[in-house]
Amino acid sequence: MNRIRVIILDESALVRQTLKDILDADERIEVVGTASEPSLALARLRDPMAEVITLEIQMPGPDRFTLSFRKVSPPAEATLQSRATGVQPLGRALELGAMEVIHKPAPGISGMLRESATLLCDAVVAAARGQNRRLSLDRDLIQPKFGADVILPAPRPDGAMPVTDKVVAIGASAGGTEALRIFLEALPCDCPGMVIVQHMPEGFTAAFARRLDSLCAVSVQEASSKDPVLPGHVLIAPGNRHLLLRRSGSRYFVEVRGGPLVSRHRPSVDVLFRSVAHCAGINGIGIIMTGMGDDGARGMREMKEAGAFTLAQDEQSCVVFGMPQEAIKAGGVDRVLPLEALAPEVMRLSLLARKKME
C-alpha cells in the first residue's frame, strides 16, 4: 500500500515532533518533511509526491489553534500564512480548500492525545483521498466505537405521526464545509427548516455558522437546546455535542447533549438521523453528503424505514464518497444526485408536501 506523504508546518518543535510521531505510527501515512515557517514548507512542497500539508492557524481565544488540511496539487498553490485572530482564518482556510479543521493535539495530555491522534490521521487520509478523488477507505480501517443506541433507542413505526412541514436533516464530513456552502446558498428564504451535523471540532462551528449566515439567504446559526426548527432557518450542531430533533405536537425543536462518540464522532450524523426518524418520520428529508467513513448510514436507513425521503450526494461531486456510499450500500437512500441538484430537489419535495396539506 502506498503511504500518504505529509509535510508538517508548525512553529513549535515539540508540536512538530508530536505530530510526526502520531502520523508516522499510522501505516497509511509517511511524514516526508517538517517546517517551522511557511517559506521552508513551501520549499519542501516542490516534491510532487507530497500530497497533504498540516498547518496551524490561530483562532479566537487564548492558545486556541487548529490544524487545517489542504490538498496541495500543485504544491506551490498551498497558502500557509494565515495568522490573524478572529473568524477570518477559518473562513480563509475553508475558501482555500482546507479539507479538515481539528484541534491541535496537546502533548502530555494522554486522553486528548489519543483521541486527537485518530482524528488527525483520518483527516490526513481524507485530505489525500479528496485530492485524488478515490473512494473511501476499506471498512476494516474505520470501525465505529458505538452506535446511536448509546444516545437514544431505535425508532419504532408511528402510525399516528402528524403531517407537518418538512424537516431536512443533513450529515457531512470531509469536504462538507464547501458542499454545505454551495447547497445553502442555492436555497430561498422560505425553504424547510434544517438541522445539520458537519464533523468539526468544538469552538469552530459557531464561526462556520456565522460565515454561512453572511453568505446565504437562509438564517444559519450554531444550535442550542430548545431552539425551534423553523422555515428558512438552519441549525448546525456544536462541535463535540450531539444534536437531536425533538417534537411537541406539530412543532419541532432541538436538543444539544453530550455522550460517547457514536460512529467515531461527536456530533454524530447517526444520532441526528435517528432522532429525525423518531420525531419527524414521513415529514423528514435526509441528505448525506461528502465524507469519509460510515457515520449516517444506519441513521439514514432508519429515516427511510420511518417514511422519510432520503438523498445522497453522488460520487462525481463528492470530495470523498465514503459516507454516501455506505448509506447507499445500507439501503437507506431513495435518490442519488449531484450536489447542485440537492437544493432544487428539497424545494420540490417541500412544495409537494405543502400541496398535500392544503
Protein backbone atom coordinates (compact mmCIF):
# COMPACT_ATOMS: atom_id res chain seq x y z
CA MET A 1 0.00 0.00 0.00
CA ASN A 2 1.37 3.43 -0.96
CA ARG A 3 1.67 5.66 2.09
CA ILE A 4 0.31 9.21 2.03
CA ARG A 5 3.18 11.70 2.04
CA VAL A 6 2.72 14.57 4.50
CA ILE A 7 4.55 17.79 5.38
CA ILE A 8 4.05 19.37 8.83
CA LEU A 9 4.16 23.15 9.36
CA ASP A 10 4.23 24.38 12.95
CA GLU A 11 6.39 26.92 14.78
CA SER A 12 6.80 24.67 17.83
CA ALA A 13 9.48 21.97 17.65
CA LEU A 14 7.63 19.96 20.33
CA VAL A 15 4.38 20.05 18.36
CA ARG A 16 6.16 19.13 15.12
CA GLN A 17 7.70 16.10 16.80
CA THR A 18 4.38 15.11 18.42
CA LEU A 19 2.56 15.32 15.10
CA LYS A 20 5.32 13.41 13.34
CA ASP A 21 5.18 10.62 15.94
CA ILE A 22 1.39 10.37 15.57
CA LEU A 23 1.37 10.33 11.78
CA ASP A 24 4.37 8.04 11.33
CA ALA A 25 2.72 5.50 13.64
CA ASP A 26 -0.13 5.14 11.16
CA GLU A 27 0.67 2.58 8.47
CA ARG A 28 -1.20 4.69 5.89
CA ILE A 29 0.95 7.81 6.36
CA GLU A 30 4.57 8.90 5.95
CA VAL A 31 5.89 12.28 7.11
CA VAL A 32 8.35 13.45 4.44
CA GLY A 33 9.25 16.81 5.98
CA THR A 34 8.61 19.35 8.72
CA ALA A 35 8.99 23.13 8.77
CA SER A 36 8.80 25.92 11.33
CA GLU A 37 7.76 28.67 8.92
CA PRO A 38 5.85 28.92 5.62
CA SER A 39 8.85 29.68 3.41
CA LEU A 40 10.56 26.46 4.49
CA ALA A 41 7.39 24.46 3.99
CA LEU A 42 6.88 25.88 0.50
CA ALA A 43 10.40 24.88 -0.46
CA ARG A 44 9.70 21.31 0.63
CA LEU A 45 6.38 21.23 -1.21
CA ARG A 46 8.25 21.28 -4.52
CA ASP A 47 8.33 17.49 -4.27
CA PRO A 48 5.37 16.50 -6.46
CA MET A 49 4.79 13.43 -4.30
CA ALA A 50 3.82 15.49 -1.23
CA GLU A 51 0.04 15.10 -1.01
CA VAL A 52 -1.02 16.80 2.22
CA ILE A 53 0.24 19.61 4.44
CA THR A 54 -0.80 20.23 8.05
CA LEU A 55 -0.60 23.84 9.21
CA GLU A 56 -1.71 25.83 12.24
CA ILE A 57 -3.98 28.83 12.10
CA GLN A 58 -4.71 30.94 15.17
CA MET A 59 -8.34 31.14 16.27
CA PRO A 60 -10.20 33.35 18.82
CA GLY A 61 -9.32 33.00 22.47
CA PRO A 62 -6.06 32.34 24.30
CA ASP A 63 -3.99 29.49 22.94
CA ARG A 64 -6.75 28.27 20.60
CA PHE A 65 -5.32 26.68 17.45
CA THR A 66 -6.50 24.39 14.70
CA LEU A 67 -4.91 22.25 12.09
CA SER A 68 -6.20 22.95 8.60
CA PHE A 69 -5.71 20.35 5.90
CA ARG A 70 -5.40 21.36 2.30
CA LYS A 71 -4.74 19.34 -0.81
CA VAL A 72 -1.56 20.67 -2.36
CA SER A 73 -1.63 19.92 -6.07
CA PRO A 74 0.18 21.76 -7.47
CA PRO A 75 2.17 22.21 -4.25
CA ALA A 76 3.10 25.84 -4.91
CA GLU A 77 -0.55 26.85 -4.51
CA ALA A 78 -0.70 26.00 -0.79
CA THR A 79 -1.43 29.09 1.32
CA LEU A 80 0.15 28.81 4.75
CA GLN A 81 0.49 32.18 6.44
CA SER A 82 -2.99 32.93 7.85
CA ARG A 83 -2.18 34.04 11.41
CA ALA A 84 -4.75 36.76 12.21
CA THR A 85 -7.18 36.43 15.10
CA GLY A 86 -10.95 36.21 14.73
CA VAL A 87 -13.16 34.25 12.34
CA GLN A 88 -11.17 35.20 9.23
CA PRO A 89 -8.52 32.46 9.44
CA LEU A 90 -11.13 29.69 9.48
CA GLY A 91 -13.10 31.25 6.63
CA ARG A 92 -9.94 31.84 4.63
CA ALA A 93 -8.75 28.26 5.17
CA LEU A 94 -12.10 26.88 4.01
CA GLU A 95 -12.15 29.15 0.97
CA LEU A 96 -8.67 27.94 0.02
CA GLY A 97 -9.76 24.31 0.16
CA ALA A 98 -8.99 23.13 3.70
CA MET A 99 -10.26 19.57 3.94
CA GLU A 100 -10.49 19.28 7.72
CA VAL A 101 -10.26 21.51 10.78
CA ILE A 102 -9.38 19.86 14.09
CA HIS A 103 -7.90 20.75 17.46
CA LYS A 104 -4.15 20.51 17.69
CA PRO A 105 -3.14 17.52 19.84
CA ALA A 106 -1.94 18.64 23.27
CA PRO A 107 1.39 16.96 24.13
CA GLY A 108 1.36 15.37 27.56
CA ILE A 109 -2.42 15.05 27.91
CA SER A 110 -2.76 11.37 27.12
CA GLY A 111 -6.54 11.10 26.69
CA MET A 112 -6.77 14.13 24.43
CA LEU A 113 -3.70 12.99 22.52
CA ARG A 114 -5.19 9.55 21.79
CA GLU A 115 -8.49 11.00 20.57
CA SER A 116 -6.74 13.71 18.57
CA ALA A 117 -4.43 11.13 17.03
CA THR A 118 -7.35 9.25 15.48
CA LEU A 119 -8.93 12.43 14.16
CA LEU A 120 -5.59 13.70 12.87
CA CYS A 121 -4.75 10.54 10.93
CA ASP A 122 -8.26 10.23 9.49
CA ALA A 123 -8.18 13.89 8.45
CA VAL A 124 -4.89 13.45 6.60
CA VAL A 125 -6.23 10.38 4.80
CA ALA A 126 -9.46 12.21 3.91
CA ALA A 127 -7.47 15.13 2.52
CA ALA A 128 -5.34 12.85 0.36
CA ARG A 129 -8.31 10.89 -0.91
CA GLY A 130 -10.16 14.09 -1.65
CA GLN A 131 -7.21 15.25 -3.73
CA ASN A 132 -7.11 12.02 -5.69
CA ARG A 133 -10.92 11.57 -5.79
CA ARG A 134 -10.71 7.96 -4.65
CA LEU A 135 -13.37 6.01 -2.82
CA SER A 136 -13.43 5.81 0.96
CA LEU A 137 -11.15 3.56 2.99
CA ASP A 138 -11.83 -0.11 3.46
CA ARG A 139 -14.32 -0.71 6.26
CA ASP A 140 -11.78 -2.54 8.41
CA LEU A 141 -9.78 0.68 8.74
CA ILE A 142 -12.74 2.69 10.10
CA GLN A 143 -14.57 0.92 12.90
CA PRO A 144 -17.29 2.76 14.86
CA LYS A 145 -16.89 2.81 18.63
CA PHE A 146 -20.60 2.90 19.45
CA GLY A 147 -23.88 3.03 17.59
CA ALA A 148 -26.67 5.52 18.23
CA ASP A 149 -28.18 3.15 20.84
CA VAL A 150 -25.94 4.79 23.46
CA ILE A 151 -27.80 8.09 22.92
CA LEU A 152 -31.40 7.03 22.14
CA PRO A 153 -33.23 3.78 21.30
CA ALA A 154 -34.04 2.65 17.79
CA PRO A 155 -37.21 4.21 16.34
CA ARG A 156 -40.48 2.31 16.20
CA PRO A 157 -43.13 2.79 13.50
CA ASP A 158 -45.54 5.58 14.48
CA GLY A 159 -48.78 5.29 12.56
CA ALA A 160 -50.13 8.42 14.26
CA MET A 161 -47.34 10.71 13.04
CA PRO A 162 -48.95 14.10 12.36
CA VAL A 163 -48.41 15.73 8.98
CA THR A 164 -46.24 18.80 9.40
CA ASP A 165 -43.91 20.98 7.39
CA LYS A 166 -40.86 19.14 6.12
CA VAL A 167 -37.72 18.99 8.25
CA VAL A 168 -34.40 18.50 6.47
CA ALA A 169 -31.55 16.68 8.24
CA ILE A 170 -28.07 16.79 6.69
CA GLY A 171 -24.86 14.96 7.54
CA ALA A 172 -21.41 15.77 6.12
CA SER A 173 -17.73 15.38 6.92
CA ALA A 174 -14.59 15.80 4.78
CA GLY A 175 -15.35 18.29 2.03
CA GLY A 176 -18.65 19.15 3.67
CA THR A 177 -17.87 22.74 4.57
CA GLU A 178 -17.75 23.73 0.91
CA ALA A 179 -20.60 21.38 -0.09
CA LEU A 180 -22.84 22.91 2.58
CA ARG A 181 -22.00 26.42 1.40
CA ILE A 182 -22.96 25.57 -2.18
CA PHE A 183 -26.15 23.81 -1.05
CA LEU A 184 -27.31 26.53 1.37
CA GLU A 185 -26.51 29.40 -1.00
CA ALA A 186 -28.90 27.83 -3.51
CA LEU A 187 -31.86 27.82 -1.10
CA PRO A 188 -34.57 30.51 -0.87
CA CYS A 189 -35.52 32.04 2.46
CA ASP A 190 -38.78 30.02 2.58
CA CYS A 191 -37.07 26.62 2.48
CA PRO A 192 -37.89 23.96 5.11
CA GLY A 193 -36.22 24.16 8.50
CA MET A 194 -32.90 22.32 8.59
CA VAL A 195 -30.68 20.59 11.13
CA ILE A 196 -27.07 19.78 10.21
CA VAL A 197 -24.19 17.75 11.55
CA GLN A 198 -20.85 18.71 10.00
CA HIS A 199 -17.92 16.94 11.64
CA MET A 200 -15.98 19.86 13.12
CA PRO A 201 -14.32 20.43 16.49
CA GLU A 202 -15.64 22.39 19.43
CA GLY A 203 -15.16 26.12 19.09
CA PHE A 204 -15.29 26.31 15.30
CA THR A 205 -18.90 25.51 14.43
CA ALA A 206 -20.11 28.92 15.65
CA ALA A 207 -17.63 30.67 13.34
CA PHE A 208 -18.59 28.33 10.50
CA ALA A 209 -22.29 29.09 11.05
CA ARG A 210 -21.65 32.85 11.09
CA ARG A 211 -19.74 32.59 7.83
CA LEU A 212 -22.61 30.70 6.17
CA ASP A 213 -25.15 33.15 7.60
CA SER A 214 -23.29 36.01 5.93
CA LEU A 215 -23.36 34.26 2.55
CA CYS A 216 -26.86 32.74 2.38
CA ALA A 217 -30.46 33.94 2.15
CA VAL A 218 -31.40 31.49 4.91
CA SER A 219 -30.58 32.18 8.56
CA VAL A 220 -27.76 29.97 9.87
CA GLN A 221 -26.67 29.57 13.49
CA GLU A 222 -24.99 27.15 15.85
CA ALA A 223 -27.72 25.16 17.62
CA SER A 224 -28.62 25.45 21.30
CA SER A 225 -31.08 23.27 23.19
CA LYS A 226 -34.72 24.28 22.70
CA ASP A 227 -34.01 26.26 19.52
CA PRO A 228 -37.08 25.90 17.27
CA VAL A 229 -36.74 24.40 13.79
CA LEU A 230 -38.39 26.96 11.53
CA PRO A 231 -38.71 27.51 7.77
CA GLY A 232 -35.78 29.46 6.40
CA HIS A 233 -33.62 28.64 9.42
CA VAL A 234 -30.64 26.29 9.64
CA LEU A 235 -29.24 24.90 12.91
CA ILE A 236 -25.71 23.44 12.95
CA ALA A 237 -24.62 21.01 15.66
CA PRO A 238 -21.98 22.45 18.01
CA GLY A 239 -18.62 20.74 17.88
CA ASN A 240 -18.23 17.97 20.47
CA ARG A 241 -22.01 17.82 21.15
CA HIS A 242 -24.69 15.59 19.68
CA LEU A 243 -27.72 17.24 18.03
CA LEU A 244 -31.17 15.66 18.31
CA LEU A 245 -34.51 16.65 16.83
CA ARG A 246 -37.47 16.82 19.22
CA ARG A 247 -41.18 17.41 18.65
CA SER A 248 -44.01 18.96 20.66
CA GLY A 249 -47.26 18.45 18.78
CA SER A 250 -46.55 19.66 15.27
CA ARG A 251 -43.64 21.89 16.32
CA TYR A 252 -40.00 20.87 16.18
CA PHE A 253 -37.08 21.97 18.32
CA VAL A 254 -33.60 20.63 19.02
CA GLU A 255 -31.70 19.19 21.96
CA VAL A 256 -27.94 19.51 22.30
CA ARG A 257 -26.27 16.97 24.58
CA GLY A 258 -23.03 15.20 25.37
CA GLY A 259 -22.42 11.47 25.39
CA PRO A 260 -19.98 8.96 23.94
CA LEU A 261 -18.59 9.14 20.42
CA VAL A 262 -21.04 7.48 18.02
CA SER A 263 -19.68 6.02 14.78
CA ARG A 264 -16.39 7.62 15.91
CA HIS A 265 -17.88 11.10 16.07
CA ARG A 266 -19.48 13.66 18.36
CA PRO A 267 -21.62 15.16 16.91
CA SER A 268 -22.75 12.07 15.04
CA VAL A 269 -24.88 12.00 11.90
CA ASP A 270 -26.34 8.66 13.03
CA VAL A 271 -27.65 10.27 16.22
CA LEU A 272 -29.25 13.17 14.35
CA PHE A 273 -30.81 10.93 11.69
CA ARG A 274 -32.20 8.51 14.28
CA SER A 275 -33.82 11.37 16.18
CA VAL A 276 -35.40 12.61 12.93
CA ALA A 277 -36.74 9.11 12.27
CA HIS A 278 -38.24 9.18 15.79
CA CYS A 279 -39.78 12.64 15.69
CA ALA A 280 -40.45 13.52 12.04
CA GLY A 281 -40.95 10.20 10.25
CA ILE A 282 -42.72 10.85 6.94
CA ASN A 283 -42.13 14.59 7.39
CA GLY A 284 -38.37 14.18 7.21
CA ILE A 285 -35.93 14.64 4.35
CA GLY A 286 -32.46 13.21 4.88
CA ILE A 287 -29.33 14.19 2.95
CA ILE A 288 -25.93 12.53 3.26
CA MET A 289 -23.04 14.48 1.77
CA THR A 290 -19.34 14.05 1.16
CA GLY A 291 -17.30 12.49 3.96
CA MET A 292 -15.07 9.61 4.98
CA GLY A 293 -16.36 6.64 6.95
CA ASP A 294 -19.88 5.37 7.57
CA ASP A 295 -21.42 7.82 10.03
CA GLY A 296 -25.03 8.36 8.97
CA ALA A 297 -25.52 5.11 7.05
CA ARG A 298 -27.55 3.39 9.78
CA GLY A 299 -29.46 6.52 10.68
CA MET A 300 -30.40 7.20 7.08
CA ARG A 301 -31.77 3.69 6.69
CA GLU A 302 -33.84 4.27 9.83
CA MET A 303 -35.15 7.54 8.40
CA LYS A 304 -36.19 5.81 5.19
CA GLU A 305 -37.86 2.99 7.12
CA ALA A 306 -39.80 5.64 9.08
CA GLY A 307 -41.13 7.11 5.83
CA ALA A 308 -38.70 9.96 5.22
CA PHE A 309 -37.36 10.69 1.75
CA THR A 310 -33.59 10.31 1.58
CA LEU A 311 -30.95 11.74 -0.75
CA ALA A 312 -27.24 11.13 -1.23
CA GLN A 313 -24.66 13.29 -2.95
CA ASP A 314 -23.24 11.50 -5.98
CA GLU A 315 -19.67 10.28 -6.32
CA GLN A 316 -18.70 12.75 -9.03
CA SER A 317 -19.47 15.80 -6.90
CA CYS A 318 -18.14 14.38 -3.60
CA VAL A 319 -14.66 15.13 -2.31
CA VAL A 320 -14.80 11.78 -0.50
CA PHE A 321 -17.59 9.34 -1.40
CA GLY A 322 -17.37 7.29 1.80
CA MET A 323 -20.44 8.36 3.77
CA PRO A 324 -22.83 8.49 0.80
CA GLN A 325 -21.51 5.18 -0.49
CA GLU A 326 -22.05 3.46 2.86
CA ALA A 327 -25.60 4.86 3.13
CA ILE A 328 -26.37 3.59 -0.38
CA LYS A 329 -24.94 0.14 0.45
CA ALA A 330 -27.06 0.03 3.61
CA GLY A 331 -30.22 0.51 1.55
CA GLY A 332 -31.11 3.86 3.07
CA VAL A 333 -31.05 6.13 0.00
CA ASP A 334 -34.00 6.90 -2.28
CA ARG A 335 -32.14 9.06 -4.80
CA VAL A 336 -28.52 9.87 -5.63
CA LEU A 337 -28.00 13.36 -7.04
CA PRO A 338 -25.14 15.74 -7.86
CA LEU A 339 -24.53 18.47 -5.30
CA GLU A 340 -26.10 21.22 -7.39
CA ALA A 341 -29.34 19.24 -7.74
CA LEU A 342 -29.92 18.71 -4.00
CA ALA A 343 -31.36 22.14 -3.18
CA PRO A 344 -33.89 22.09 -6.07
CA GLU A 345 -34.96 18.58 -5.05
CA VAL A 346 -35.52 19.67 -1.45
CA MET A 347 -37.71 22.55 -2.63
CA ARG A 348 -39.63 20.22 -4.96
CA LEU A 349 -40.35 17.77 -2.15
CA SER A 350 -41.34 20.61 0.16
CA LEU A 351 -43.76 22.04 -2.41
CA LEU A 352 -45.38 18.63 -2.93
CA ALA A 353 -45.82 18.25 0.83
CA ARG A 354 -47.44 21.67 1.13
CA LYS A 355 -49.91 20.87 -1.64
CA LYS A 356 -50.91 17.66 0.14
CA MET A 357 -51.53 19.61 3.36
CA GLU A 358 -53.83 22.13 1.59
